Amino acid sequence: MLSMKWRSLQESSPESGPRRLYEIYAERRELIARYVPAEIQSSHARVVEDLKQSGIAQRTLREGDSAPGFELPNQAGVMVRSRDLLSRGALVVCFIRGRWCPFCVGQMEAMNAIVPDLEQLSASLVAISPQNTHQSFLMADQHKLGFPLLSDRDNQVSRKFGLVYQVPEYQQEVYRRAFVNLPFIHGVNTWELPIPATFVIGATAAGCETPRILFSLASPDYTERVEPTDLLLKMAQLLP
């Protein structure tokens, strides 16, 4: 989206170890403040403020709510079913905007680093975005992601979680100038996105009740995501 080099988690020094997500985001905010034209920054800030005022975050699914099931293709085109994953343990679901978003990329790299820890908790991880399977394949391949990136055509699943909004006209123009053509990236002729969100869904067993959401964090501000290490601590408390 921006003509600058985004340093990845893999570029952390061996001495310091992997950087925390908040450090990645602080760096990216600083680069944006320094190099992105003020009018573009203002446009994105206006969208965030409008979303906050709309109350969308308060209308998303919360802890204790029933979790909608889903069946979506991964980056290889193979269908992934939530019920299959939940039969083996808890499920972490990250809703992201797409590979064009540097904050989504940073989050996915940080989540990728905790996959072994999630496995220790018998938990699975998937990310859901409206981008098509080809875009998901490119994202997984470029950033060496070891978990499924699921393509939610027309935001059907994101809509069930209460996350979807219409990108306003003034921001569509900004995206077009940056070659972020959402209808092309999504494969549908709409300009809709989900606000970023992370949910932890409790495991189920055969014959059990509908799975419930154990943890949720959804933010209208695309530069705010849950810190993966904090999520691990929360899950250790929540899971039996």
C-alpha atoms as a PDB file:
ATOM      1  CA  MET A   1       0.000   0.000   0.000  1.00  0.00           C
ATOM      2  CA  LEU A   2       2.882   2.344   0.769  1.00  0.00           C
ATOM      3  CA  SER A   3       6.173   2.647  -1.086  1.00  0.00           C
ATOM      4  CA  MET A   4       8.357   1.937   1.946  1.00  0.00           C
ATOM      5  CA  LYS A   5      10.121  -1.086   3.390  1.00  0.00           C
ATOM      6  CA  TRP A   6       8.182  -2.740   6.214  1.00  0.00           C
ATOM      7  CA  ARG A   7      10.633  -4.601   8.465  1.00  0.00           C
ATOM      8  CA  SER A   8       9.244  -8.039   9.257  1.00  0.00           C
ATOM      9  CA  LEU A   9       9.446 -10.123  12.408  1.00  0.00           C
ATOM     10  CA  GLN A  10      12.032 -12.303  10.688  1.00  0.00           C
ATOM     11  CA  GLU A  11      14.350  -9.294  10.632  1.00  0.00           C
ATOM     12  CA  SER A  12      14.570  -9.105  14.420  1.00  0.00           C
ATOM     13  CA  SER A  13      18.101  -9.454  15.743  1.00  0.00           C
ATOM     14  CA  PRO A  14      19.017 -12.862  17.248  1.00  0.00           C
ATOM     15  CA  GLU A  15      20.084 -11.107  20.459  1.00  0.00           C
ATOM     16  CA  SER A  16      16.775  -9.354  21.045  1.00  0.00           C
ATOM     17  CA  GLY A  17      14.503 -12.135  19.794  1.00  0.00           C
ATOM     18  CA  PRO A  18      11.139 -11.578  18.074  1.00  0.00           C
ATOM     19  CA  ARG A  19       9.705  -8.117  18.563  1.00  0.00           C
ATOM     20  CA  ARG A  20       6.364  -7.569  20.240  1.00  0.00           C
ATOM     21  CA  LEU A  21       3.524  -6.567  17.954  1.00  0.00           C
ATOM     22  CA  TYR A  22       3.152  -3.177  19.644  1.00  0.00           C
ATOM     23  CA  GLU A  23       6.774  -2.430  18.689  1.00  0.00           C
ATOM     24  CA  ILE A  24       6.088  -3.342  15.060  1.00  0.00           C
ATOM     25  CA  TYR A  25       3.033  -1.110  15.028  1.00  0.00           C
ATOM     26  CA  ALA A  26       4.818   1.806  16.664  1.00  0.00           C
ATOM     27  CA  GLU A  27       7.460   1.637  13.948  1.00  0.00           C
ATOM     28  CA  ARG A  28       4.861   1.558  11.199  1.00  0.00           C
ATOM     29  CA  ARG A  29       2.900   4.448  12.646  1.00  0.00           C
ATOM     30  CA  GLU A  30       6.112   6.450  12.763  1.00  0.00           C
ATOM     31  CA  LEU A  31       6.908   5.685   9.117  1.00  0.00           C
ATOM     32  CA  ILE A  32       3.378   6.601   8.067  1.00  0.00           C
ATOM     33  CA  ALA A  33       3.544   9.881   9.996  1.00  0.00           C
ATOM     34  CA  ARG A  34       6.858  10.689   8.334  1.00  0.00           C
ATOM     35  CA  TYR A  35       6.225   9.702   4.716  1.00  0.00           C
ATOM     36  CA  VAL A  36       2.488   9.483   3.980  1.00  0.00           C
ATOM     37  CA  PRO A  37       0.898  12.777   2.823  1.00  0.00           C
ATOM     38  CA  ALA A  38      -1.078  14.530   5.524  1.00  0.00           C
ATOM     39  CA  GLU A  39      -4.308  14.494   3.525  1.00  0.00           C
ATOM     40  CA  ILE A  40      -4.145  10.706   3.198  1.00  0.00           C
ATOM     41  CA  GLN A  41      -3.460  10.285   6.904  1.00  0.00           C
ATOM     42  CA  SER A  42      -6.404  12.574   7.604  1.00  0.00           C
ATOM     43  CA  SER A  43      -8.662  10.494   5.352  1.00  0.00           C
ATOM     44  CA  HIS A  44      -7.831   7.260   7.176  1.00  0.00           C
ATOM     45  CA  ALA A  45      -8.194   8.932  10.573  1.00  0.00           C
ATOM     46  CA  ARG A  46     -11.609  10.231   9.548  1.00  0.00           C
ATOM     47  CA  VAL A  47     -12.793   6.712   8.687  1.00  0.00           C
ATOM     48  CA  VAL A  48     -11.590   5.384  12.043  1.00  0.00           C
ATOM     49  CA  GLU A  49     -13.367   8.162  13.904  1.00  0.00           C
ATOM     50  CA  ASP A  50     -16.582   7.666  11.908  1.00  0.00           C
ATOM     51  CA  LEU A  51     -16.495   3.934  12.689  1.00  0.00           C
ATOM     52  CA  LYS A  52     -16.004   4.646  16.376  1.00  0.00           C
ATOM     53  CA  GLN A  53     -18.946   7.045  16.336  1.00  0.00           C
ATOM     54  CA  SER A  54     -21.100   4.473  14.509  1.00  0.00           C
ATOM     55  CA  GLY A  55     -20.832   2.054  17.442  1.00  0.00           C
ATOM     56  CA  ILE A  56     -19.859  -0.879  15.231  1.00  0.00           C
ATOM     57  CA  ALA A  57     -17.522  -2.304  17.888  1.00  0.00           C
ATOM     58  CA  GLN A  58     -20.425  -2.524  20.336  1.00  0.00           C
ATOM     59  CA  ARG A  59     -22.504  -4.474  17.801  1.00  0.00           C
ATOM     60  CA  THR A  60     -19.965  -7.248  17.226  1.00  0.00           C
ATOM     61  CA  LEU A  61     -20.300 -10.647  18.865  1.00  0.00           C
ATOM     62  CA  ARG A  62     -18.975 -10.732  22.430  1.00  0.00           C
ATOM     63  CA  GLU A  63     -17.917 -13.200  25.096  1.00  0.00           C
ATOM     64  CA  GLY A  64     -20.704 -15.687  25.812  1.00  0.00           C
ATOM     65  CA  ASP A  65     -22.371 -15.318  22.406  1.00  0.00           C
ATOM     66  CA  SER A  66     -22.882 -18.310  20.143  1.00  0.00           C
ATOM     67  CA  ALA A  67     -20.159 -18.552  17.515  1.00  0.00           C
ATOM     68  CA  PRO A  68     -21.373 -18.849  13.911  1.00  0.00           C
ATOM     69  CA  GLY A  69     -20.024 -21.856  12.060  1.00  0.00           C
ATOM     70  CA  PHE A  70     -18.202 -21.440   8.778  1.00  0.00           C
ATOM     71  CA  GLU A  71     -16.851 -23.388   5.836  1.00  0.00           C
ATOM     72  CA  LEU A  72     -14.343 -21.443   3.742  1.00  0.00           C
ATOM     73  CA  PRO A  73     -11.505 -22.187   1.291  1.00  0.00           C
ATOM     74  CA  ASN A  74      -7.935 -21.795   2.467  1.00  0.00           C
ATOM     75  CA  GLN A  75      -5.030 -20.424   0.416  1.00  0.00           C
ATOM     76  CA  ALA A  76      -4.791 -23.736  -1.439  1.00  0.00           C
ATOM     77  CA  GLY A  77      -8.521 -23.801  -2.238  1.00  0.00           C
ATOM     78  CA  VAL A  78      -9.205 -26.590   0.299  1.00  0.00           C
ATOM     79  CA  MET A  79     -12.376 -26.151   2.327  1.00  0.00           C
ATOM     80  CA  VAL A  80     -11.849 -25.624   6.069  1.00  0.00           C
ATOM     81  CA  ARG A  81     -14.754 -26.248   8.459  1.00  0.00           C
ATOM     82  CA  SER A  82     -14.948 -24.654  11.869  1.00  0.00           C
ATOM     83  CA  ARG A  83     -16.726 -27.672  13.329  1.00  0.00           C
ATOM     84  CA  ASP A  84     -13.787 -29.910  12.394  1.00  0.00           C
ATOM     85  CA  LEU A  85     -11.292 -27.587  14.073  1.00  0.00           C
ATOM     86  CA  LEU A  86     -13.451 -27.145  17.182  1.00  0.00           C
ATOM     87  CA  SER A  87     -13.802 -30.901  17.611  1.00  0.00           C
ATOM     88  CA  ARG A  88     -10.042 -30.964  18.311  1.00  0.00           C
ATOM     89  CA  GLY A  89      -9.821 -27.955  20.649  1.00  0.00           C
ATOM     90  CA  ALA A  90     -10.327 -24.213  20.929  1.00  0.00           C
ATOM     91  CA  LEU A  91     -10.151 -22.032  17.830  1.00  0.00           C
ATOM     92  CA  VAL A  92      -8.583 -18.589  17.412  1.00  0.00           C
ATOM     93  CA  VAL A  93     -10.107 -16.623  14.538  1.00  0.00           C
ATOM     94  CA  CYS A  94      -8.470 -13.408  13.324  1.00  0.00           C
ATOM     95  CA  PHE A  95     -10.470 -11.238  10.930  1.00  0.00           C
ATOM     96  CA  ILE A  96      -8.141  -9.093   8.806  1.00  0.00           C
ATOM     97  CA  ARG A  97      -8.469  -6.726   5.862  1.00  0.00           C
ATOM     98  CA  GLY A  98      -5.935  -8.275   3.465  1.00  0.00           C
ATOM     99  CA  ARG A  99      -2.329  -8.604   2.376  1.00  0.00           C
ATOM    100  CA  TRP A 100      -2.235  -4.967   1.195  1.00  0.00           C
ATOM    101  CA  CYS A 101      -2.567  -3.755   4.815  1.00  0.00           C
ATOM    102  CA  PRO A 102       0.815  -3.482   6.596  1.00  0.00           C
ATOM    103  CA  PHE A 103      -0.863  -3.798   9.989  1.00  0.00           C
ATOM    104  CA  CYS A 104      -2.563  -7.047   8.949  1.00  0.00           C
ATOM    105  CA  VAL A 105       0.772  -8.381   7.713  1.00  0.00           C
ATOM    106  CA  GLY A 106       2.465  -7.491  10.996  1.00  0.00           C
ATOM    107  CA  GLN A 107      -0.289  -9.181  12.977  1.00  0.00           C
ATOM    108  CA  MET A 108      -0.153 -12.349  10.892  1.00  0.00           C
ATOM    109  CA  GLU A 109       3.622 -12.630  11.278  1.00  0.00           C
ATOM    110  CA  ALA A 110       3.280 -12.147  15.040  1.00  0.00           C
ATOM    111  CA  MET A 111       0.492 -14.724  15.268  1.00  0.00           C
ATOM    112  CA  ASN A 112       2.559 -17.132  13.198  1.00  0.00           C
ATOM    113  CA  ALA A 113       5.278 -16.960  15.873  1.00  0.00           C
ATOM    114  CA  ILE A 114       2.897 -18.304  18.549  1.00  0.00           C
ATOM    115  CA  VAL A 115       1.477 -21.222  16.540  1.00  0.00           C
ATOM    116  CA  PRO A 116       3.613 -23.751  18.498  1.00  0.00           C
ATOM    117  CA  ASP A 117       2.315 -22.277  21.768  1.00  0.00           C
ATOM    118  CA  LEU A 118      -1.273 -22.554  20.532  1.00  0.00           C
ATOM    119  CA  GLU A 119      -0.644 -26.182  19.640  1.00  0.00           C
ATOM    120  CA  GLN A 120       0.490 -26.765  23.225  1.00  0.00           C
ATOM    121  CA  LEU A 121      -2.957 -25.536  24.263  1.00  0.00           C
ATOM    122  CA  SER A 122      -4.596 -27.883  21.689  1.00  0.00           C
ATOM    123  CA  ALA A 123      -5.851 -24.773  19.909  1.00  0.00           C
ATOM    124  CA  SER A 124      -6.040 -23.990  16.192  1.00  0.00           C
ATOM    125  CA  LEU A 125      -5.571 -20.658  14.406  1.00  0.00           C
ATOM    126  CA  VAL A 126      -7.168 -19.341  11.229  1.00  0.00           C
ATOM    127  CA  ALA A 127      -7.327 -15.888   9.654  1.00  0.00           C
ATOM    128  CA  ILE A 128     -10.342 -14.760   7.648  1.00  0.00           C
ATOM    129  CA  SER A 129     -10.338 -11.949   5.092  1.00  0.00           C
ATOM    130  CA  PRO A 130     -12.441 -10.941   2.073  1.00  0.00           C
ATOM    131  CA  GLN A 131      -9.460 -11.329  -0.286  1.00  0.00           C
ATOM    132  CA  ASN A 132      -9.660 -14.153  -2.828  1.00  0.00           C
ATOM    133  CA  THR A 133      -7.720 -17.415  -2.507  1.00  0.00           C
ATOM    134  CA  HIS A 134      -4.957 -16.249  -4.862  1.00  0.00           C
ATOM    135  CA  GLN A 135      -4.286 -13.206  -2.673  1.00  0.00           C
ATOM    136  CA  SER A 136      -4.290 -15.450   0.396  1.00  0.00           C
ATOM    137  CA  PHE A 137      -1.815 -17.805  -1.273  1.00  0.00           C
ATOM    138  CA  LEU A 138       0.517 -14.910  -2.074  1.00  0.00           C
ATOM    139  CA  MET A 139       0.284 -13.641   1.500  1.00  0.00           C
ATOM    140  CA  ALA A 140       0.961 -17.032   3.069  1.00  0.00           C
ATOM    141  CA  ASP A 141       3.844 -17.733   0.709  1.00  0.00           C
ATOM    142  CA  GLN A 142       5.515 -14.328   1.033  1.00  0.00           C
ATOM    143  CA  HIS A 143       5.322 -14.228   4.827  1.00  0.00           C
ATOM    144  CA  LYS A 144       5.816 -17.975   5.459  1.00  0.00           C
ATOM    145  CA  LEU A 145       2.589 -18.349   7.391  1.00  0.00           C
ATOM    146  CA  GLY A 146       1.930 -21.776   8.839  1.00  0.00           C
ATOM    147  CA  PHE A 147      -1.826 -21.575   9.403  1.00  0.00           C
ATOM    148  CA  PRO A 148      -4.893 -21.335   7.118  1.00  0.00           C
ATOM    149  CA  LEU A 149      -5.816 -18.020   5.499  1.00  0.00           C
ATOM    150  CA  LEU A 150      -9.492 -18.333   4.643  1.00  0.00           C
ATOM    151  CA  SER A 151     -11.255 -16.384   1.900  1.00  0.00           C
ATOM    152  CA  ASP A 152     -14.615 -14.984   2.970  1.00  0.00           C
ATOM    153  CA  ARG A 153     -16.238 -14.057  -0.329  1.00  0.00           C
ATOM    154  CA  ASP A 154     -18.513 -11.027   0.024  1.00  0.00           C
ATOM    155  CA  ASN A 155     -17.736 -10.949   3.793  1.00  0.00           C
ATOM    156  CA  GLN A 156     -20.448 -13.499   4.510  1.00  0.00           C
ATOM    157  CA  VAL A 157     -18.844 -14.823   7.704  1.00  0.00           C
ATOM    158  CA  SER A 158     -17.528 -11.419   8.831  1.00  0.00           C
ATOM    159  CA  ARG A 159     -21.088 -10.133   8.535  1.00  0.00           C
ATOM    160  CA  LYS A 160     -22.331 -12.809  10.956  1.00  0.00           C
ATOM    161  CA  PHE A 161     -19.783 -11.588  13.514  1.00  0.00           C
ATOM    162  CA  GLY A 162     -20.977  -7.983  13.047  1.00  0.00           C
ATOM    163  CA  LEU A 163     -17.710  -6.667  11.594  1.00  0.00           C
ATOM    164  CA  VAL A 164     -18.549  -5.356   8.118  1.00  0.00           C
ATOM    165  CA  TYR A 165     -18.654  -1.729   7.004  1.00  0.00           C
ATOM    166  CA  GLN A 166     -18.844   0.123   3.704  1.00  0.00           C
ATOM    167  CA  VAL A 167     -15.642   1.919   2.697  1.00  0.00           C
ATOM    168  CA  PRO A 168     -16.667   5.562   2.119  1.00  0.00           C
ATOM    169  CA  GLU A 169     -16.193   7.164  -1.278  1.00  0.00           C
ATOM    170  CA  TYR A 170     -13.422   9.503  -0.174  1.00  0.00           C
ATOM    171  CA  GLN A 171     -11.341   6.557   1.102  1.00  0.00           C
ATOM    172  CA  GLN A 172     -12.075   4.490  -2.003  1.00  0.00           C
ATOM    173  CA  GLU A 173     -10.330   7.187  -4.009  1.00  0.00           C
ATOM    174  CA  VAL A 174      -7.291   7.027  -1.714  1.00  0.00           C
ATOM    175  CA  TYR A 175      -7.135   3.253  -2.119  1.00  0.00           C
ATOM    176  CA  ARG A 176      -7.452   3.481  -5.893  1.00  0.00           C
ATOM    177  CA  ARG A 177      -4.507   5.871  -6.064  1.00  0.00           C
ATOM    178  CA  ALA A 178      -2.490   3.371  -4.003  1.00  0.00           C
ATOM    179  CA  PHE A 179      -3.551   0.523  -6.356  1.00  0.00           C
ATOM    180  CA  VAL A 180      -5.678  -1.117  -3.670  1.00  0.00           C
ATOM    181  CA  ASN A 181      -8.604  -2.135  -5.849  1.00  0.00           C
ATOM    182  CA  LEU A 182     -10.835  -3.972  -3.399  1.00  0.00           C
ATOM    183  CA  PRO A 183     -13.348  -5.310  -5.970  1.00  0.00           C
ATOM    184  CA  PHE A 184     -10.429  -6.911  -7.851  1.00  0.00           C
ATOM    185  CA  ILE A 185      -8.756  -8.194  -4.672  1.00  0.00           C
ATOM    186  CA  HIS A 186     -12.027  -9.614  -3.348  1.00  0.00           C
ATOM    187  CA  GLY A 187     -13.502 -10.883  -6.588  1.00  0.00           C
ATOM    188  CA  VAL A 188     -16.838  -9.134  -5.922  1.00  0.00           C
ATOM    189  CA  ASN A 189     -17.955  -5.687  -7.020  1.00  0.00           C
ATOM    190  CA  THR A 190     -18.270  -4.131  -3.571  1.00  0.00           C
ATOM    191  CA  TRP A 191     -16.179  -1.892  -1.317  1.00  0.00           C
ATOM    192  CA  GLU A 192     -16.746  -3.566   2.027  1.00  0.00           C
ATOM    193  CA  LEU A 193     -14.222  -4.515   4.710  1.00  0.00           C
ATOM    194  CA  PRO A 194     -14.332  -6.064   8.170  1.00  0.00           C
ATOM    195  CA  ILE A 195     -12.983  -4.155  11.122  1.00  0.00           C
ATOM    196  CA  PRO A 196     -10.032  -6.184  12.475  1.00  0.00           C
ATOM    197  CA  ALA A 197     -11.043  -8.589  15.237  1.00  0.00           C
ATOM    198  CA  THR A 198      -9.807 -11.634  17.132  1.00  0.00           C
ATOM    199  CA  PHE A 199     -12.073 -14.247  18.697  1.00  0.00           C
ATOM    200  CA  VAL A 200     -11.350 -17.322  20.792  1.00  0.00           C
ATOM    201  CA  ILE A 201     -14.056 -19.961  20.373  1.00  0.00           C
ATOM    202  CA  GLY A 202     -14.404 -22.794  22.848  1.00  0.00           C
ATOM    203  CA  ALA A 203     -13.965 -26.404  21.811  1.00  0.00           C
ATOM    204  CA  THR A 204     -16.961 -28.641  21.216  1.00  0.00           C
ATOM    205  CA  ALA A 205     -17.562 -32.378  21.280  1.00  0.00           C
ATOM    206  CA  ALA A 206     -20.097 -34.525  19.457  1.00  0.00           C
ATOM    207  CA  GLY A 207     -23.598 -33.798  20.674  1.00  0.00           C
ATOM    208  CA  CYS A 208     -22.563 -30.691  22.644  1.00  0.00           C
ATOM    209  CA  GLU A 209     -24.209 -27.296  22.483  1.00  0.00           C
ATOM    210  CA  THR A 210     -23.306 -24.573  20.012  1.00  0.00           C
ATOM    211  CA  PRO A 211     -19.738 -23.336  20.515  1.00  0.00           C
ATOM    212  CA  ARG A 212     -19.392 -20.129  22.517  1.00  0.00           C
ATOM    213  CA  ILE A 213     -17.083 -17.165  22.199  1.00  0.00           C
ATOM    214  CA  LEU A 214     -14.638 -17.098  25.129  1.00  0.00           C
ATOM    215  CA  PHE A 215     -12.757 -13.930  24.156  1.00  0.00           C
ATOM    216  CA  SER A 216     -13.299 -11.131  21.652  1.00  0.00           C
ATOM    217  CA  LEU A 217     -11.523  -7.950  20.662  1.00  0.00           C
ATOM    218  CA  ALA A 218     -12.772  -5.891  17.717  1.00  0.00           C
ATOM    219  CA  SER A 219     -11.531  -2.384  16.997  1.00  0.00           C
ATOM    220  CA  PRO A 220     -12.601   0.242  14.464  1.00  0.00           C
ATOM    221  CA  ASP A 221      -8.957   1.354  14.506  1.00  0.00           C
ATOM    222  CA  TYR A 222      -7.073  -0.877  12.087  1.00  0.00           C
ATOM    223  CA  THR A 223      -3.807  -0.081  13.904  1.00  0.00           C
ATOM    224  CA  GLU A 224      -5.016  -1.764  17.108  1.00  0.00           C
ATOM    225  CA  ARG A 225      -4.815  -5.563  17.460  1.00  0.00           C
ATOM    226  CA  VAL A 226      -4.455  -7.958  20.368  1.00  0.00           C
ATOM    227  CA  GLU A 227      -0.859  -8.647  21.412  1.00  0.00           C
ATOM    228  CA  PRO A 228      -0.254 -12.369  20.667  1.00  0.00           C
ATOM    229  CA  THR A 229       1.637 -13.048  23.898  1.00  0.00           C
ATOM    230  CA  ASP A 230      -1.178 -11.413  25.885  1.00  0.00           C
ATOM    231  CA  LEU A 231      -3.661 -13.587  24.004  1.00  0.00           C
ATOM    232  CA  LEU A 232      -1.730 -16.693  25.033  1.00  0.00           C
ATOM    233  CA  LEU A 233      -1.889 -15.680  28.680  1.00  0.00           C
ATOM    234  CA  LYS A 234      -5.616 -15.062  28.403  1.00  0.00           C
ATOM    235  CA  MET A 235      -6.186 -18.417  26.727  1.00  0.00           C
ATOM    236  CA  ALA A 236      -4.218 -20.244  29.431  1.00  0.00           C
ATOM    237  CA  GLN A 237      -6.677 -18.786  31.941  1.00  0.00           C
ATOM    238  CA  LEU A 238      -9.783 -19.549  29.858  1.00  0.00           C
ATOM    239  CA  LEU A 239      -9.083 -23.052  28.647  1.00  0.00           C
ATOM    240  CA  PRO A 240      -9.457 -26.090  30.923  1.00  0.00           C
END
